[in-house]
């Protein structure tokens, strides 16, 4: 019985080692809270240079949510600060049916600046949603606008995830 126990332990260790090697070979890494480049951040000014209203509020909310999901507290007194400028918002028609638009695409483009405690600044240019976010609608205007709001929020979350990924995982 003791020999079976040793073989079981050996097999478990071997499988764990192989799984670890496979994950590290695929580019995956395990990050802990202590590996984060900073523990808290201040969200500074988000300037909206587009013609679409309230995008700065949506980006602020998306950044706060995504930072917290990744273990970074949002604090107005933090030493590290992130600011952004929204340069582009494009809502374009992808397809129509009998002159009724049924599918749209949303594209958002922003620049970010991260300021660290020691005075260093790091710029991230042209961060955008890495996916084409589309939605279909042939509904009335109120339903269309509600769907548009949801898609804008999703696009902002994508932008927030992309910048936070660039900050954390380098």
C-alpha atoms as a PDB file:
ATOM      1  CA  UNK A   1       0.000   0.000   0.000  1.00  0.00           C
ATOM      2  CA  UNK A   2       2.841   2.367   0.803  1.00  0.00           C
ATOM      3  CA  UNK A   3       4.300   1.882  -2.686  1.00  0.00           C
ATOM      4  CA  UNK A   4       0.976   2.837  -4.334  1.00  0.00           C
ATOM      5  CA  UNK A   5       0.911   5.998  -2.201  1.00  0.00           C
ATOM      6  CA  UNK A   6       4.415   6.995  -3.395  1.00  0.00           C
ATOM      7  CA  UNK A   7       3.484   6.362  -7.011  1.00  0.00           C
ATOM      8  CA  UNK A   8       0.302   8.471  -6.609  1.00  0.00           C
ATOM      9  CA  UNK A   9       2.257  11.348  -5.062  1.00  0.00           C
ATOM     10  CA  UNK A  10       4.881  11.099  -7.818  1.00  0.00           C
ATOM     11  CA  UNK A  11       2.229  11.157 -10.550  1.00  0.00           C
ATOM     12  CA  UNK A  12       0.483  14.171  -8.989  1.00  0.00           C
ATOM     13  CA  UNK A  13       3.788  16.062  -8.813  1.00  0.00           C
ATOM     14  CA  UNK A  14       4.648  15.094 -12.389  1.00  0.00           C
ATOM     15  CA  UNK A  15       1.267  16.228 -13.725  1.00  0.00           C
ATOM     16  CA  UNK A  16       1.535  19.521 -11.781  1.00  0.00           C
ATOM     17  CA  UNK A  17       5.016  20.153 -13.163  1.00  0.00           C
ATOM     18  CA  UNK A  18       3.944  19.424 -16.738  1.00  0.00           C
ATOM     19  CA  UNK A  19       0.862  21.640 -16.406  1.00  0.00           C
ATOM     20  CA  UNK A  20       3.048  24.457 -15.078  1.00  0.00           C
ATOM     21  CA  UNK A  21       5.479  24.084 -17.972  1.00  0.00           C
ATOM     22  CA  UNK A  22       2.654  24.054 -20.505  1.00  0.00           C
ATOM     23  CA  UNK A  23       1.054  27.193 -19.058  1.00  0.00           C
ATOM     24  CA  UNK A  24       4.333  29.096 -18.884  1.00  0.00           C
ATOM     25  CA  UNK A  25       5.146  28.067 -22.466  1.00  0.00           C
ATOM     26  CA  UNK A  26       1.832  29.503 -23.677  1.00  0.00           C
ATOM     27  CA  UNK A  27       2.605  32.923 -22.234  1.00  0.00           C
ATOM     28  CA  UNK A  28       0.343  32.593 -19.193  1.00  0.00           C
ATOM     29  CA  UNK A  29       1.642  33.709 -15.825  1.00  0.00           C
ATOM     30  CA  UNK A  30       0.194  33.818 -12.365  1.00  0.00           C
ATOM     31  CA  UNK A  31       0.281  37.269 -10.787  1.00  0.00           C
ATOM     32  CA  UNK A  32      -0.313  37.965  -7.140  1.00  0.00           C
ATOM     33  CA  UNK A  33      -1.305  41.181  -5.400  1.00  0.00           C
ATOM     34  CA  UNK A  34       2.337  41.770  -4.441  1.00  0.00           C
ATOM     35  CA  UNK A  35       3.339  41.642  -8.147  1.00  0.00           C
ATOM     36  CA  UNK A  36       1.170  44.674  -9.008  1.00  0.00           C
ATOM     37  CA  UNK A  37       3.164  47.791  -9.992  1.00  0.00           C
ATOM     38  CA  UNK A  38       1.059  49.883  -7.560  1.00  0.00           C
ATOM     39  CA  UNK A  39      -1.643  49.165  -4.997  1.00  0.00           C
ATOM     40  CA  UNK A  40      -3.820  52.232  -5.568  1.00  0.00           C
ATOM     41  CA  UNK A  41      -4.385  54.816  -8.266  1.00  0.00           C
ATOM     42  CA  UNK A  42      -6.062  58.169  -8.723  1.00  0.00           C
ATOM     43  CA  UNK A  43      -8.215  58.662 -11.811  1.00  0.00           C
ATOM     44  CA  UNK A  44      -7.468  62.183 -12.972  1.00  0.00           C
ATOM     45  CA  UNK A  45      -9.022  64.263 -15.702  1.00  0.00           C
ATOM     46  CA  UNK A  46     -10.632  62.483 -18.615  1.00  0.00           C
ATOM     47  CA  UNK A  47     -11.038  64.928 -21.473  1.00  0.00           C
ATOM     48  CA  UNK A  48     -13.669  64.207 -24.100  1.00  0.00           C
ATOM     49  CA  UNK A  49     -12.676  65.713 -27.472  1.00  0.00           C
ATOM     50  CA  UNK A  50     -15.409  63.842 -29.318  1.00  0.00           C
ATOM     51  CA  UNK A  51     -18.880  65.112 -30.061  1.00  0.00           C
ATOM     52  CA  UNK A  52     -20.461  62.242 -28.092  1.00  0.00           C
ATOM     53  CA  UNK A  53     -21.656  63.442 -24.663  1.00  0.00           C
ATOM     54  CA  UNK A  54     -20.772  61.740 -21.363  1.00  0.00           C
ATOM     55  CA  UNK A  55     -18.053  59.443 -22.716  1.00  0.00           C
ATOM     56  CA  UNK A  56     -15.662  60.755 -20.072  1.00  0.00           C
ATOM     57  CA  UNK A  57     -18.059  59.630 -17.330  1.00  0.00           C
ATOM     58  CA  UNK A  58     -18.390  56.177 -18.861  1.00  0.00           C
ATOM     59  CA  UNK A  59     -14.604  55.798 -19.153  1.00  0.00           C
ATOM     60  CA  UNK A  60     -14.102  56.949 -15.553  1.00  0.00           C
ATOM     61  CA  UNK A  61     -16.614  54.353 -14.323  1.00  0.00           C
ATOM     62  CA  UNK A  62     -15.084  51.606 -16.484  1.00  0.00           C
ATOM     63  CA  UNK A  63     -11.556  52.400 -15.252  1.00  0.00           C
ATOM     64  CA  UNK A  64     -12.643  52.377 -11.607  1.00  0.00           C
ATOM     65  CA  UNK A  65     -14.428  49.055 -12.022  1.00  0.00           C
ATOM     66  CA  UNK A  66     -11.578  47.362 -13.897  1.00  0.00           C
ATOM     67  CA  UNK A  67      -8.873  48.627 -11.516  1.00  0.00           C
ATOM     68  CA  UNK A  68     -10.823  47.238  -8.570  1.00  0.00           C
ATOM     69  CA  UNK A  69     -11.378  43.913 -10.360  1.00  0.00           C
ATOM     70  CA  UNK A  70      -7.597  43.674 -10.695  1.00  0.00           C
ATOM     71  CA  UNK A  71      -6.900  44.405  -7.035  1.00  0.00           C
ATOM     72  CA  UNK A  72      -5.976  48.076  -7.396  1.00  0.00           C
ATOM     73  CA  UNK A  73      -7.909  50.493  -5.198  1.00  0.00           C
ATOM     74  CA  UNK A  74      -9.096  53.793  -6.662  1.00  0.00           C
ATOM     75  CA  UNK A  75      -8.169  56.556  -4.225  1.00  0.00           C
ATOM     76  CA  UNK A  76      -8.283  60.332  -4.870  1.00  0.00           C
ATOM     77  CA  UNK A  77      -5.109  60.700  -2.759  1.00  0.00           C
ATOM     78  CA  UNK A  78      -3.039  57.947  -4.420  1.00  0.00           C
ATOM     79  CA  UNK A  79       0.519  58.648  -5.561  1.00  0.00           C
ATOM     80  CA  UNK A  80      -0.032  57.142  -9.018  1.00  0.00           C
ATOM     81  CA  UNK A  81      -2.450  58.956 -11.334  1.00  0.00           C
ATOM     82  CA  UNK A  82      -3.985  58.108 -14.697  1.00  0.00           C
ATOM     83  CA  UNK A  83      -5.488  60.684 -17.069  1.00  0.00           C
ATOM     84  CA  UNK A  84      -6.997  60.273 -20.518  1.00  0.00           C
ATOM     85  CA  UNK A  85      -8.054  62.120 -23.638  1.00  0.00           C
ATOM     86  CA  UNK A  86     -10.829  60.620 -25.759  1.00  0.00           C
ATOM     87  CA  UNK A  87     -10.067  61.521 -29.375  1.00  0.00           C
ATOM     88  CA  UNK A  88     -12.444  59.455 -31.444  1.00  0.00           C
ATOM     89  CA  UNK A  89     -15.930  58.064 -31.205  1.00  0.00           C
ATOM     90  CA  UNK A  90     -17.324  56.530 -34.340  1.00  0.00           C
ATOM     91  CA  UNK A  91     -20.730  54.938 -34.686  1.00  0.00           C
ATOM     92  CA  UNK A  92     -21.043  53.586 -38.200  1.00  0.00           C
ATOM     93  CA  UNK A  93     -23.542  51.483 -40.079  1.00  0.00           C
ATOM     94  CA  UNK A  94     -22.407  47.957 -40.939  1.00  0.00           C
ATOM     95  CA  UNK A  95     -25.546  46.693 -42.646  1.00  0.00           C
ATOM     96  CA  UNK A  96     -28.975  47.809 -43.734  1.00  0.00           C
ATOM     97  CA  UNK A  97     -32.104  46.063 -44.823  1.00  0.00           C
ATOM     98  CA  UNK A  98     -34.701  47.965 -46.842  1.00  0.00           C
ATOM     99  CA  UNK A  99     -33.200  51.303 -45.756  1.00  0.00           C
ATOM    100  CA  UNK A 100     -33.456  50.366 -42.053  1.00  0.00           C
ATOM    101  CA  UNK A 101     -30.137  50.164 -40.269  1.00  0.00           C
ATOM    102  CA  UNK A 102     -29.868  46.835 -38.524  1.00  0.00           C
ATOM    103  CA  UNK A 103     -26.216  46.669 -37.465  1.00  0.00           C
ATOM    104  CA  UNK A 104     -23.855  49.334 -36.163  1.00  0.00           C
ATOM    105  CA  UNK A 105     -20.189  49.408 -35.153  1.00  0.00           C
ATOM    106  CA  UNK A 106     -18.729  51.462 -32.292  1.00  0.00           C
ATOM    107  CA  UNK A 107     -15.067  52.529 -32.311  1.00  0.00           C
ATOM    108  CA  UNK A 108     -13.410  54.466 -29.489  1.00  0.00           C
ATOM    109  CA  UNK A 109      -9.826  55.767 -29.437  1.00  0.00           C
ATOM    110  CA  UNK A 110      -8.035  57.357 -26.444  1.00  0.00           C
ATOM    111  CA  UNK A 111      -4.611  58.421 -25.166  1.00  0.00           C
ATOM    112  CA  UNK A 112      -3.573  57.798 -21.554  1.00  0.00           C
ATOM    113  CA  UNK A 113      -0.892  59.288 -19.316  1.00  0.00           C
ATOM    114  CA  UNK A 114       0.194  57.599 -16.099  1.00  0.00           C
ATOM    115  CA  UNK A 115       2.089  59.742 -13.602  1.00  0.00           C
ATOM    116  CA  UNK A 116       4.091  57.963 -10.906  1.00  0.00           C
ATOM    117  CA  UNK A 117       5.126  59.134  -7.431  1.00  0.00           C
ATOM    118  CA  UNK A 118       8.728  59.776  -8.528  1.00  0.00           C
ATOM    119  CA  UNK A 119       7.582  62.150 -11.306  1.00  0.00           C
ATOM    120  CA  UNK A 120       7.947  59.706 -14.190  1.00  0.00           C
ATOM    121  CA  UNK A 121       5.246  59.796 -16.849  1.00  0.00           C
ATOM    122  CA  UNK A 122       4.306  57.011 -19.205  1.00  0.00           C
ATOM    123  CA  UNK A 123       2.149  57.651 -22.262  1.00  0.00           C
ATOM    124  CA  UNK A 124      -0.080  55.140 -24.006  1.00  0.00           C
ATOM    125  CA  UNK A 125      -1.248  56.386 -27.403  1.00  0.00           C
ATOM    126  CA  UNK A 126      -4.246  55.283 -29.442  1.00  0.00           C
ATOM    127  CA  UNK A 127      -5.665  52.747 -27.009  1.00  0.00           C
ATOM    128  CA  UNK A 128      -8.900  51.483 -28.481  1.00  0.00           C
ATOM    129  CA  UNK A 129     -11.356  48.708 -28.142  1.00  0.00           C
ATOM    130  CA  UNK A 130      -9.558  45.678 -29.562  1.00  0.00           C
ATOM    131  CA  UNK A 131     -12.789  44.250 -30.928  1.00  0.00           C
ATOM    132  CA  UNK A 132     -15.391  45.628 -33.276  1.00  0.00           C
ATOM    133  CA  UNK A 133     -18.397  46.034 -31.048  1.00  0.00           C
ATOM    134  CA  UNK A 134     -21.574  45.858 -33.029  1.00  0.00           C
ATOM    135  CA  UNK A 135     -25.237  45.760 -32.262  1.00  0.00           C
ATOM    136  CA  UNK A 136     -28.281  45.165 -34.360  1.00  0.00           C
ATOM    137  CA  UNK A 137     -31.532  47.070 -34.133  1.00  0.00           C
ATOM    138  CA  UNK A 138     -34.532  47.843 -36.243  1.00  0.00           C
ATOM    139  CA  UNK A 139     -36.508  48.874 -33.151  1.00  0.00           C
ATOM    140  CA  UNK A 140     -37.912  52.252 -32.254  1.00  0.00           C
ATOM    141  CA  UNK A 141     -35.602  55.144 -31.421  1.00  0.00           C
ATOM    142  CA  UNK A 142     -35.822  54.706 -27.619  1.00  0.00           C
ATOM    143  CA  UNK A 143     -34.769  51.055 -27.810  1.00  0.00           C
ATOM    144  CA  UNK A 144     -32.026  51.940 -30.267  1.00  0.00           C
ATOM    145  CA  UNK A 145     -30.627  54.601 -27.915  1.00  0.00           C
ATOM    146  CA  UNK A 146     -30.735  52.209 -24.958  1.00  0.00           C
ATOM    147  CA  UNK A 147     -28.786  49.618 -26.945  1.00  0.00           C
ATOM    148  CA  UNK A 148     -26.319  52.288 -28.022  1.00  0.00           C
ATOM    149  CA  UNK A 149     -25.688  53.232 -24.387  1.00  0.00           C
ATOM    150  CA  UNK A 150     -24.998  49.598 -23.470  1.00  0.00           C
ATOM    151  CA  UNK A 151     -22.592  49.193 -26.376  1.00  0.00           C
ATOM    152  CA  UNK A 152     -20.754  52.409 -25.441  1.00  0.00           C
ATOM    153  CA  UNK A 153     -20.295  51.068 -21.903  1.00  0.00           C
ATOM    154  CA  UNK A 154     -18.980  47.772 -23.257  1.00  0.00           C
ATOM    155  CA  UNK A 155     -16.535  49.585 -25.546  1.00  0.00           C
ATOM    156  CA  UNK A 156     -15.312  51.670 -22.590  1.00  0.00           C
ATOM    157  CA  UNK A 157     -14.805  48.504 -20.524  1.00  0.00           C
ATOM    158  CA  UNK A 158     -12.720  47.077 -23.377  1.00  0.00           C
ATOM    159  CA  UNK A 159     -10.599  50.233 -23.489  1.00  0.00           C
ATOM    160  CA  UNK A 160     -10.208  50.146 -19.681  1.00  0.00           C
ATOM    161  CA  UNK A 161      -9.201  46.466 -19.728  1.00  0.00           C
ATOM    162  CA  UNK A 162      -6.665  47.149 -22.435  1.00  0.00           C
ATOM    163  CA  UNK A 163      -4.935  50.023 -20.615  1.00  0.00           C
ATOM    164  CA  UNK A 164      -4.983  48.199 -17.274  1.00  0.00           C
ATOM    165  CA  UNK A 165      -3.532  45.115 -18.922  1.00  0.00           C
ATOM    166  CA  UNK A 166      -0.743  47.263 -20.397  1.00  0.00           C
ATOM    167  CA  UNK A 167      -0.011  48.731 -16.955  1.00  0.00           C
ATOM    168  CA  UNK A 168      -0.080  45.507 -14.977  1.00  0.00           C
ATOM    169  CA  UNK A 169       1.371  42.931 -17.344  1.00  0.00           C
ATOM    170  CA  UNK A 170       3.772  45.178 -19.270  1.00  0.00           C
END
